[in-house]
Amino acid sequence: MVVRVKRLIAAPETCQRLRELGLNEESIIRLIARQATLICQVRNARLAFSETLARSILVESLDASPCA
């Protein structure tokens, strides 16, 4: 699944760290795996997010298929 980041709603220091890692508003990311953690391709790196942290990243789907 490919998504675009619309908003980060975590604590300011967490948002800053996510931006330092390349996860900015309007960034395009690809979901690689959804297990205990979510693994996403962000630019040229793969990042793992806890479910709690992932819930603080608002996205919109860019895939033609609906989100599962």
N, C-alpha and C. Protein backbone atom coordinates (compact mmCIF):
# COMPACT_ATOMS: atom_id res chain seq x y z
N MET A 1 0.84 -1.17 0.00
CA MET A 1 0.00 0.00 0.00
C MET A 1 0.89 1.24 0.00
N VAL A 2 0.53 2.20 -0.81
CA VAL A 2 1.27 3.46 -0.89
C VAL A 2 0.38 4.56 -0.33
N VAL A 3 0.96 5.37 0.56
CA VAL A 3 0.20 6.44 1.20
C VAL A 3 1.00 7.74 1.21
N ARG A 4 0.30 8.83 1.43
CA ARG A 4 0.93 10.15 1.60
C ARG A 4 0.67 10.60 3.02
N VAL A 5 1.71 11.05 3.70
CA VAL A 5 1.57 11.56 5.06
C VAL A 5 0.85 12.91 4.99
N LYS A 6 -0.22 13.04 5.78
CA LYS A 6 -0.97 14.29 5.82
C LYS A 6 -0.67 15.10 7.07
N ARG A 7 -0.45 14.41 8.21
CA ARG A 7 -0.23 15.14 9.46
C ARG A 7 0.41 14.23 10.49
N LEU A 8 1.30 14.79 11.29
CA LEU A 8 1.89 14.09 12.43
C LEU A 8 1.26 14.66 13.69
N ILE A 9 0.70 13.79 14.54
CA ILE A 9 -0.02 14.28 15.72
C ILE A 9 0.59 13.75 17.02
N ALA A 10 1.86 13.48 17.01
CA ALA A 10 2.57 13.00 18.20
C ALA A 10 3.11 14.19 18.99
N ALA A 11 3.83 13.89 20.07
CA ALA A 11 4.49 14.94 20.86
C ALA A 11 5.48 15.69 19.96
N PRO A 12 5.71 16.97 20.25
CA PRO A 12 6.61 17.76 19.39
C PRO A 12 7.98 17.12 19.17
N GLU A 13 8.58 16.55 20.21
CA GLU A 13 9.90 15.94 20.03
C GLU A 13 9.82 14.68 19.17
N THR A 14 8.72 13.97 19.23
CA THR A 14 8.54 12.78 18.38
C THR A 14 8.35 13.21 16.93
N CYS A 15 7.54 14.24 16.72
CA CYS A 15 7.34 14.75 15.35
C CYS A 15 8.66 15.23 14.76
N GLN A 16 9.45 15.92 15.56
CA GLN A 16 10.75 16.40 15.08
C GLN A 16 11.63 15.24 14.65
N ARG A 17 11.67 14.18 15.46
CA ARG A 17 12.50 13.00 15.14
C ARG A 17 12.00 12.32 13.87
N LEU A 18 10.69 12.21 13.71
CA LEU A 18 10.13 11.61 12.49
C LEU A 18 10.52 12.44 11.27
N ARG A 19 10.47 13.75 11.41
CA ARG A 19 10.87 14.61 10.29
C ARG A 19 12.36 14.46 9.97
N GLU A 20 13.18 14.30 11.01
CA GLU A 20 14.61 14.08 10.78
C GLU A 20 14.85 12.77 10.03
N LEU A 21 13.99 11.79 10.23
CA LEU A 21 14.11 10.50 9.54
C LEU A 21 13.53 10.55 8.12
N GLY A 22 12.96 11.70 7.72
CA GLY A 22 12.43 11.85 6.37
C GLY A 22 10.94 11.67 6.26
N LEU A 23 10.26 11.55 7.39
CA LEU A 23 8.81 11.36 7.38
C LEU A 23 8.14 12.71 7.61
N ASN A 24 8.01 13.48 6.53
CA ASN A 24 7.43 14.81 6.59
C ASN A 24 6.01 14.78 6.05
N GLU A 25 5.25 15.85 6.34
CA GLU A 25 3.96 15.99 5.73
C GLU A 25 4.15 16.01 4.22
N GLU A 26 3.28 15.33 3.51
CA GLU A 26 3.30 15.17 2.06
C GLU A 26 4.32 14.14 1.56
N SER A 27 5.05 13.49 2.46
CA SER A 27 5.97 12.42 2.06
C SER A 27 5.16 11.21 1.57
N ILE A 28 5.70 10.52 0.60
CA ILE A 28 5.09 9.30 0.09
C ILE A 28 5.82 8.13 0.75
N ILE A 29 5.06 7.22 1.36
CA ILE A 29 5.66 6.04 1.98
C ILE A 29 4.92 4.79 1.53
N ARG A 30 5.61 3.67 1.59
CA ARG A 30 5.04 2.39 1.17
C ARG A 30 5.02 1.45 2.37
N LEU A 31 3.86 0.86 2.63
CA LEU A 31 3.73 -0.13 3.69
C LEU A 31 4.30 -1.45 3.19
N ILE A 32 5.31 -1.97 3.88
CA ILE A 32 5.97 -3.22 3.49
C ILE A 32 5.36 -4.40 4.22
N ALA A 33 5.16 -4.27 5.54
CA ALA A 33 4.61 -5.36 6.36
C ALA A 33 3.80 -4.80 7.50
N ARG A 34 2.75 -5.52 7.84
CA ARG A 34 1.89 -5.12 8.97
C ARG A 34 1.80 -6.31 9.91
N GLN A 35 2.60 -6.28 10.96
CA GLN A 35 2.62 -7.36 11.94
C GLN A 35 2.54 -6.72 13.32
N ALA A 36 3.37 -7.15 14.27
CA ALA A 36 3.41 -6.49 15.58
C ALA A 36 3.86 -5.04 15.42
N THR A 37 4.74 -4.81 14.45
CA THR A 37 5.15 -3.46 14.08
C THR A 37 4.82 -3.26 12.61
N LEU A 38 4.71 -2.01 12.20
CA LEU A 38 4.49 -1.70 10.80
C LEU A 38 5.83 -1.35 10.20
N ILE A 39 6.17 -1.97 9.09
CA ILE A 39 7.44 -1.68 8.41
C ILE A 39 7.11 -0.91 7.15
N CYS A 40 7.72 0.26 7.02
CA CYS A 40 7.45 1.14 5.89
C CYS A 40 8.73 1.53 5.18
N GLN A 41 8.61 1.71 3.88
CA GLN A 41 9.71 2.23 3.07
C GLN A 41 9.54 3.74 3.04
N VAL A 42 10.51 4.45 3.62
CA VAL A 42 10.51 5.92 3.65
C VAL A 42 11.77 6.36 2.92
N ARG A 43 11.57 6.93 1.74
CA ARG A 43 12.69 7.27 0.87
C ARG A 43 13.52 6.01 0.60
N ASN A 44 14.78 5.98 0.99
CA ASN A 44 15.62 4.80 0.73
C ASN A 44 15.87 3.96 1.98
N ALA A 45 15.02 4.10 2.98
CA ALA A 45 15.20 3.37 4.23
C ALA A 45 13.90 2.66 4.62
N ARG A 46 14.06 1.57 5.34
CA ARG A 46 12.90 0.89 5.91
C ARG A 46 12.86 1.20 7.40
N LEU A 47 11.70 1.64 7.86
CA LEU A 47 11.51 2.01 9.26
C LEU A 47 10.41 1.16 9.86
N ALA A 48 10.57 0.77 11.12
CA ALA A 48 9.54 0.02 11.84
C ALA A 48 8.89 0.94 12.85
N PHE A 49 7.56 0.92 12.88
CA PHE A 49 6.79 1.75 13.79
C PHE A 49 5.93 0.88 14.68
N SER A 50 5.88 1.21 15.96
CA SER A 50 4.94 0.53 16.85
C SER A 50 3.53 0.93 16.42
N GLU A 51 2.56 0.14 16.84
CA GLU A 51 1.17 0.47 16.52
C GLU A 51 0.79 1.83 17.11
N THR A 52 1.27 2.11 18.31
CA THR A 52 0.97 3.38 18.97
C THR A 52 1.53 4.56 18.16
N LEU A 53 2.78 4.45 17.74
CA LEU A 53 3.38 5.53 16.96
C LEU A 53 2.70 5.65 15.60
N ALA A 54 2.39 4.53 14.98
CA ALA A 54 1.74 4.55 13.66
C ALA A 54 0.40 5.27 13.71
N ARG A 55 -0.31 5.15 14.82
CA ARG A 55 -1.61 5.82 14.96
C ARG A 55 -1.47 7.35 15.03
N SER A 56 -0.27 7.84 15.27
CA SER A 56 -0.06 9.29 15.34
C SER A 56 0.39 9.87 13.99
N ILE A 57 0.38 9.04 12.95
CA ILE A 57 0.76 9.48 11.61
C ILE A 57 -0.48 9.36 10.73
N LEU A 58 -1.10 10.49 10.41
CA LEU A 58 -2.30 10.48 9.58
C LEU A 58 -1.89 10.45 8.12
N VAL A 59 -2.50 9.54 7.36
CA VAL A 59 -2.13 9.36 5.95
C VAL A 59 -3.37 9.30 5.08
N GLU A 60 -3.15 9.45 3.77
CA GLU A 60 -4.20 9.21 2.79
C GLU A 60 -3.67 8.18 1.80
N SER A 61 -4.54 7.27 1.39
CA SER A 61 -4.14 6.22 0.48
C SER A 61 -3.95 6.77 -0.93
N LEU A 62 -2.92 6.27 -1.60
CA LEU A 62 -2.68 6.62 -3.00
C LEU A 62 -2.95 5.43 -3.91
N ASP A 63 -3.24 4.27 -3.32
CA ASP A 63 -3.57 3.07 -4.08
C ASP A 63 -4.99 3.18 -4.62
N ALA A 64 -5.22 2.49 -5.71
CA ALA A 64 -6.57 2.45 -6.27
C ALA A 64 -7.50 1.59 -5.43
N SER A 65 -6.93 0.59 -4.74
CA SER A 65 -7.74 -0.29 -3.92
C SER A 65 -7.99 0.34 -2.56
N PRO A 66 -9.14 0.05 -1.94
CA PRO A 66 -9.42 0.60 -0.61
C PRO A 66 -8.50 0.01 0.46
N CYS A 67 -8.28 0.76 1.53
CA CYS A 67 -7.43 0.30 2.63
C CYS A 67 -8.09 -0.88 3.32
N ALA A 68 -7.25 -1.84 3.73
CA ALA A 68 -7.77 -3.01 4.44
C ALA A 68 -7.62 -2.83 5.92
